[in-house]
N, C-alpha and C. Protein backbone atom coordinates (compact mmCIF):
# COMPACT_ATOMS: atom_id res chain seq x y z
N MET A 1 -3.87 116.41 222.45
CA MET A 1 -5.10 116.10 223.28
C MET A 1 -5.00 114.80 223.81
N ARG A 2 -5.71 114.61 225.05
CA ARG A 2 -5.58 113.38 225.65
C ARG A 2 -6.87 112.68 225.46
N THR A 3 -6.72 111.32 225.65
CA THR A 3 -8.10 110.61 225.36
C THR A 3 -8.74 110.33 226.64
N GLY A 4 -9.96 110.07 226.68
CA GLY A 4 -10.81 110.03 227.88
C GLY A 4 -11.20 111.31 228.43
N ALA A 5 -11.55 111.31 229.63
CA ALA A 5 -12.11 112.50 230.41
C ALA A 5 -11.36 112.44 231.80
N PRO A 6 -10.01 112.67 232.08
CA PRO A 6 -9.57 112.53 233.39
C PRO A 6 -10.14 113.63 234.16
N TRP A 7 -10.30 113.29 235.61
CA TRP A 7 -10.99 114.25 236.49
C TRP A 7 -10.08 115.41 236.63
N ARG A 8 -8.80 115.26 236.48
CA ARG A 8 -7.84 116.36 236.76
C ARG A 8 -8.00 117.40 235.53
N ASP A 9 -8.43 117.12 234.33
CA ASP A 9 -8.75 118.01 233.21
C ASP A 9 -9.91 118.88 233.40
N LEU A 10 -10.80 118.71 234.34
CA LEU A 10 -11.97 119.37 234.50
C LEU A 10 -11.63 120.97 234.48
N PRO A 11 -12.50 121.73 233.83
CA PRO A 11 -12.04 123.21 233.97
C PRO A 11 -12.32 123.65 235.43
N GLU A 12 -11.59 124.74 235.78
CA GLU A 12 -11.56 125.13 237.16
C GLU A 12 -12.88 125.67 237.71
N ARG A 13 -13.68 126.08 236.69
CA ARG A 13 -14.95 126.68 237.20
C ARG A 13 -15.89 125.64 237.97
N TYR A 14 -15.61 124.43 237.76
CA TYR A 14 -16.39 123.33 238.45
C TYR A 14 -15.95 123.10 239.87
N GLY A 15 -14.79 123.73 240.21
CA GLY A 15 -14.26 123.41 241.46
C GLY A 15 -13.21 122.37 241.58
N PRO A 16 -12.88 122.01 242.82
CA PRO A 16 -11.77 120.89 242.84
C PRO A 16 -12.15 119.59 242.18
N TRP A 17 -11.32 119.05 241.27
CA TRP A 17 -11.77 117.78 240.75
C TRP A 17 -12.03 116.74 241.77
N GLN A 18 -11.52 116.69 242.83
CA GLN A 18 -11.82 115.58 243.83
C GLN A 18 -13.31 115.68 244.27
N THR A 19 -13.71 116.91 244.50
CA THR A 19 -15.19 117.17 244.91
C THR A 19 -16.12 116.75 243.78
N VAL A 20 -15.82 117.08 242.69
CA VAL A 20 -16.68 116.59 241.35
C VAL A 20 -16.77 115.29 241.29
N ALA A 21 -15.62 114.55 241.41
CA ALA A 21 -15.47 113.15 241.33
C ALA A 21 -16.23 112.36 242.52
N SER A 22 -16.10 113.05 243.62
CA SER A 22 -16.84 112.49 244.74
C SER A 22 -18.38 112.53 244.58
N CYS A 23 -18.83 113.75 244.06
CA CYS A 23 -20.30 113.90 243.74
C CYS A 23 -20.76 112.85 242.74
N PHE A 24 -19.98 112.79 241.62
CA PHE A 24 -20.31 111.89 240.61
C PHE A 24 -20.51 110.36 241.05
N TYR A 25 -19.54 110.06 241.97
CA TYR A 25 -19.60 108.66 242.27
C TYR A 25 -20.79 108.38 243.33
N ARG A 26 -21.10 109.24 244.22
CA ARG A 26 -22.19 109.34 245.07
C ARG A 26 -23.45 109.36 244.33
N TRP A 27 -23.63 110.11 243.37
CA TRP A 27 -24.84 110.13 242.56
C TRP A 27 -24.96 108.71 241.76
N ARG A 28 -23.85 108.24 241.32
CA ARG A 28 -24.08 106.98 240.59
C ARG A 28 -24.50 105.83 241.53
N LYS A 29 -23.97 105.83 242.77
CA LYS A 29 -24.33 104.87 243.78
C LYS A 29 -25.72 104.98 244.16
N ALA A 30 -26.15 106.30 244.23
CA ALA A 30 -27.64 106.49 244.61
C ALA A 30 -28.66 106.34 243.43
N GLY A 31 -28.17 106.24 242.22
CA GLY A 31 -29.02 105.94 241.12
C GLY A 31 -29.49 107.25 240.48
N ILE A 32 -28.88 108.28 240.82
CA ILE A 32 -29.35 109.70 240.32
C ILE A 32 -29.15 109.76 238.75
N TRP A 33 -27.90 109.21 238.24
CA TRP A 33 -27.91 109.24 236.87
C TRP A 33 -28.80 108.46 236.02
N GLU A 34 -29.24 107.39 236.58
CA GLU A 34 -30.25 106.40 235.87
C GLU A 34 -31.65 107.18 235.83
N GLN A 35 -31.87 107.82 236.97
CA GLN A 35 -33.25 108.48 237.12
C GLN A 35 -33.13 109.84 236.09
N LEU A 36 -32.09 110.45 236.05
CA LEU A 36 -31.93 111.56 235.16
C LEU A 36 -32.05 111.13 233.71
N TRP A 37 -31.46 110.05 233.34
CA TRP A 37 -31.42 109.48 232.05
C TRP A 37 -32.99 109.07 231.62
N ALA A 38 -33.56 108.42 232.54
CA ALA A 38 -35.03 108.07 232.29
C ALA A 38 -36.01 109.27 232.25
N GLU A 39 -35.69 110.27 232.92
CA GLU A 39 -36.54 111.45 232.85
C GLU A 39 -36.27 112.21 231.49
N LEU A 40 -35.07 112.24 231.15
CA LEU A 40 -34.75 113.03 229.87
C LEU A 40 -35.29 112.07 228.63
N GLN A 41 -35.06 110.96 228.80
CA GLN A 41 -35.63 110.02 227.62
C GLN A 41 -37.00 110.05 227.66
N GLY A 42 -37.75 110.10 228.68
CA GLY A 42 -39.25 110.13 228.80
C GLY A 42 -39.71 111.40 228.09
N GLN A 43 -38.95 112.57 228.41
CA GLN A 43 -39.44 113.89 227.85
C GLN A 43 -39.10 113.90 226.37
N ALA A 44 -38.15 113.35 225.90
CA ALA A 44 -37.95 113.26 224.54
C ALA A 44 -38.79 112.51 223.73
N ASP A 45 -39.18 111.38 224.38
CA ASP A 45 -40.16 110.38 223.75
C ASP A 45 -41.56 111.08 223.67
N ALA A 46 -41.95 111.79 224.74
CA ALA A 46 -43.24 112.34 224.64
C ALA A 46 -43.38 113.52 223.75
N ALA A 47 -42.20 114.13 223.24
CA ALA A 47 -42.07 115.24 222.44
C ALA A 47 -41.97 114.63 220.97
N GLY A 48 -41.85 113.25 220.90
CA GLY A 48 -41.74 112.70 219.55
C GLY A 48 -40.33 112.91 219.04
N ARG A 49 -39.24 113.26 219.81
CA ARG A 49 -37.79 113.45 219.39
C ARG A 49 -36.92 112.28 219.73
N LEU A 50 -37.65 110.90 219.87
CA LEU A 50 -36.74 109.85 220.08
C LEU A 50 -37.04 108.83 219.20
N GLY A 51 -35.97 108.37 218.35
CA GLY A 51 -35.97 107.35 217.47
C GLY A 51 -35.75 106.02 218.07
N TRP A 52 -36.50 105.39 218.39
CA TRP A 52 -36.23 103.93 219.27
C TRP A 52 -35.48 103.01 218.34
N GLU A 53 -35.71 102.97 217.09
CA GLU A 53 -35.30 102.13 216.29
C GLU A 53 -33.73 102.24 215.89
N ILE A 54 -33.16 103.43 216.26
CA ILE A 54 -31.70 103.65 215.98
C ILE A 54 -30.78 103.77 217.27
N GLN A 55 -31.43 103.50 218.41
CA GLN A 55 -30.64 103.62 219.68
C GLN A 55 -30.19 102.23 220.17
N TYR A 56 -28.87 102.11 220.16
CA TYR A 56 -28.23 100.84 220.64
C TYR A 56 -26.90 101.13 221.14
N VAL A 57 -26.29 100.18 221.81
CA VAL A 57 -24.86 100.22 222.22
C VAL A 57 -24.32 99.01 221.78
N ASP A 58 -23.33 99.20 221.04
CA ASP A 58 -22.48 98.02 220.46
C ASP A 58 -21.22 97.90 221.19
N GLY A 59 -21.08 96.74 221.87
CA GLY A 59 -19.90 96.35 222.63
C GLY A 59 -18.60 96.49 221.94
N ALA A 60 -18.52 96.46 220.62
CA ALA A 60 -17.42 96.56 219.86
C ALA A 60 -16.86 98.03 220.00
N SER A 61 -17.68 98.95 220.22
CA SER A 61 -17.20 100.28 220.26
C SER A 61 -16.86 100.78 221.78
N VAL A 62 -16.97 99.84 222.73
CA VAL A 62 -16.64 100.23 224.01
C VAL A 62 -15.14 99.77 224.29
N TRP A 63 -14.32 100.71 224.67
CA TRP A 63 -13.00 100.49 224.87
C TRP A 63 -12.70 100.25 226.38
N ALA A 64 -11.87 99.35 226.76
CA ALA A 64 -11.53 99.21 228.15
C ALA A 64 -9.96 99.32 228.26
N HIS A 65 -9.49 99.64 229.34
CA HIS A 65 -8.02 99.79 229.69
C HIS A 65 -7.41 98.37 229.57
N GLN A 66 -6.27 98.40 229.05
CA GLN A 66 -5.50 97.02 228.77
C GLN A 66 -5.40 96.16 229.99
N HIS A 67 -5.42 96.83 231.22
CA HIS A 67 -5.45 96.07 232.54
C HIS A 67 -6.82 95.68 233.03
N ALA A 68 -7.79 95.95 232.41
CA ALA A 68 -9.15 95.80 232.82
C ALA A 68 -9.55 94.40 232.64
N ALA A 69 -8.92 93.57 231.75
CA ALA A 69 -9.23 92.07 231.60
C ALA A 69 -8.21 91.25 232.21
N GLY A 70 -8.69 90.29 233.01
CA GLY A 70 -7.93 89.32 233.58
C GLY A 70 -6.91 89.67 234.60
N ALA A 71 -7.12 90.92 235.24
CA ALA A 71 -6.09 91.28 236.18
C ALA A 71 -6.44 90.55 237.36
N LYS A 72 -5.35 90.22 238.13
CA LYS A 72 -5.55 89.46 239.33
C LYS A 72 -5.79 90.51 240.45
N GLY A 73 -6.94 90.21 241.27
CA GLY A 73 -7.19 91.12 242.32
C GLY A 73 -6.81 90.72 243.68
N GLY A 74 -6.53 91.66 244.47
CA GLY A 74 -6.27 91.40 245.82
C GLY A 74 -7.30 91.84 246.70
N THR A 75 -6.99 92.30 247.92
CA THR A 75 -8.00 92.75 248.89
C THR A 75 -8.40 94.30 248.28
N ARG A 76 -9.51 94.55 248.01
CA ARG A 76 -9.97 95.88 247.52
C ARG A 76 -10.38 96.72 248.67
N ARG A 77 -9.67 97.78 248.68
CA ARG A 77 -10.09 98.82 249.76
C ARG A 77 -11.20 99.73 249.21
N GLY A 78 -12.06 100.09 250.15
CA GLY A 78 -13.28 100.99 249.76
C GLY A 78 -12.76 102.41 249.34
N LYS A 79 -13.48 103.10 248.67
CA LYS A 79 -13.19 104.43 248.17
C LYS A 79 -13.89 105.36 249.15
N PRO A 80 -13.48 106.65 249.33
CA PRO A 80 -14.11 107.55 250.24
C PRO A 80 -15.55 107.67 249.91
N TRP A 81 -15.95 107.58 248.53
CA TRP A 81 -17.32 107.77 248.09
C TRP A 81 -18.15 106.61 248.07
N ASP A 82 -17.57 105.42 248.49
CA ASP A 82 -18.42 104.25 248.51
C ASP A 82 -19.51 104.27 249.62
N GLY A 83 -19.52 104.99 250.53
CA GLY A 83 -20.48 105.11 251.57
C GLY A 83 -20.23 106.35 252.32
N VAL A 84 -21.13 106.55 253.21
CA VAL A 84 -21.09 107.74 254.17
C VAL A 84 -20.99 107.12 255.53
N GLY A 85 -20.05 107.43 256.24
CA GLY A 85 -19.73 107.16 257.59
C GLY A 85 -20.82 107.81 258.55
N PRO A 86 -20.87 107.34 259.82
CA PRO A 86 -21.88 108.03 260.66
C PRO A 86 -21.49 109.38 260.95
N GLY A 87 -22.64 110.25 260.94
CA GLY A 87 -22.45 111.48 261.14
C GLY A 87 -21.93 112.40 259.93
N LEU A 88 -21.72 111.60 258.78
CA LEU A 88 -21.20 112.40 257.60
C LEU A 88 -22.22 112.40 256.44
N ALA A 89 -22.75 113.56 256.35
CA ALA A 89 -23.85 113.79 255.28
C ALA A 89 -23.09 114.10 254.00
N PRO A 90 -23.66 113.38 252.88
CA PRO A 90 -23.04 113.77 251.60
C PRO A 90 -23.38 115.34 251.39
N ARG A 91 -22.38 116.05 250.87
CA ARG A 91 -22.46 117.41 250.52
C ARG A 91 -22.99 117.72 249.20
N CYS A 92 -23.20 116.67 248.29
CA CYS A 92 -23.75 116.93 246.95
C CYS A 92 -24.98 116.31 246.71
N THR A 93 -25.80 116.17 247.67
CA THR A 93 -27.16 115.81 247.45
C THR A 93 -28.20 116.95 247.78
N SER A 94 -29.48 116.77 247.19
CA SER A 94 -30.31 117.93 247.46
C SER A 94 -31.41 117.51 248.43
N GLU A 95 -32.37 118.32 248.79
CA GLU A 95 -33.24 118.08 249.82
C GLU A 95 -34.19 116.94 249.32
N GLY A 96 -34.25 116.73 248.10
CA GLY A 96 -35.27 115.71 247.55
C GLY A 96 -34.77 114.32 247.83
N LYS A 97 -33.68 113.93 248.52
CA LYS A 97 -33.28 112.71 248.84
C LYS A 97 -32.88 111.90 247.59
N GLY A 98 -32.15 112.58 246.69
CA GLY A 98 -31.72 111.89 245.54
C GLY A 98 -32.55 111.83 244.37
N LYS A 99 -33.87 112.18 244.49
CA LYS A 99 -34.87 112.01 243.50
C LYS A 99 -34.64 113.20 242.51
N VAL A 100 -34.87 112.82 241.21
CA VAL A 100 -34.89 113.84 240.07
C VAL A 100 -36.31 114.06 239.84
N SER A 101 -36.59 115.36 239.76
CA SER A 101 -37.96 115.69 239.42
C SER A 101 -38.03 116.71 238.31
């Protein structure tokens, strides 16, 4: 088994990994994941299924790649999912303009 969740390891039923990755990064930039998390958290809280006293993130349990700290950076090139060029509409958004309902 490999560690992490490499895009290339996605099951074929989700389509090409490049398409899934592109949608993921567009949704992240648009704030979709934060909206989705807030909605799910609100529903769980309203149903009394959320224990606020036990939810936390401990930085000691978050792993980073060995090259993530102290790496010298050069000119950073943009990724294809960093923005949508003129006349290019994202294919992985809904009619609701990115709002989760």
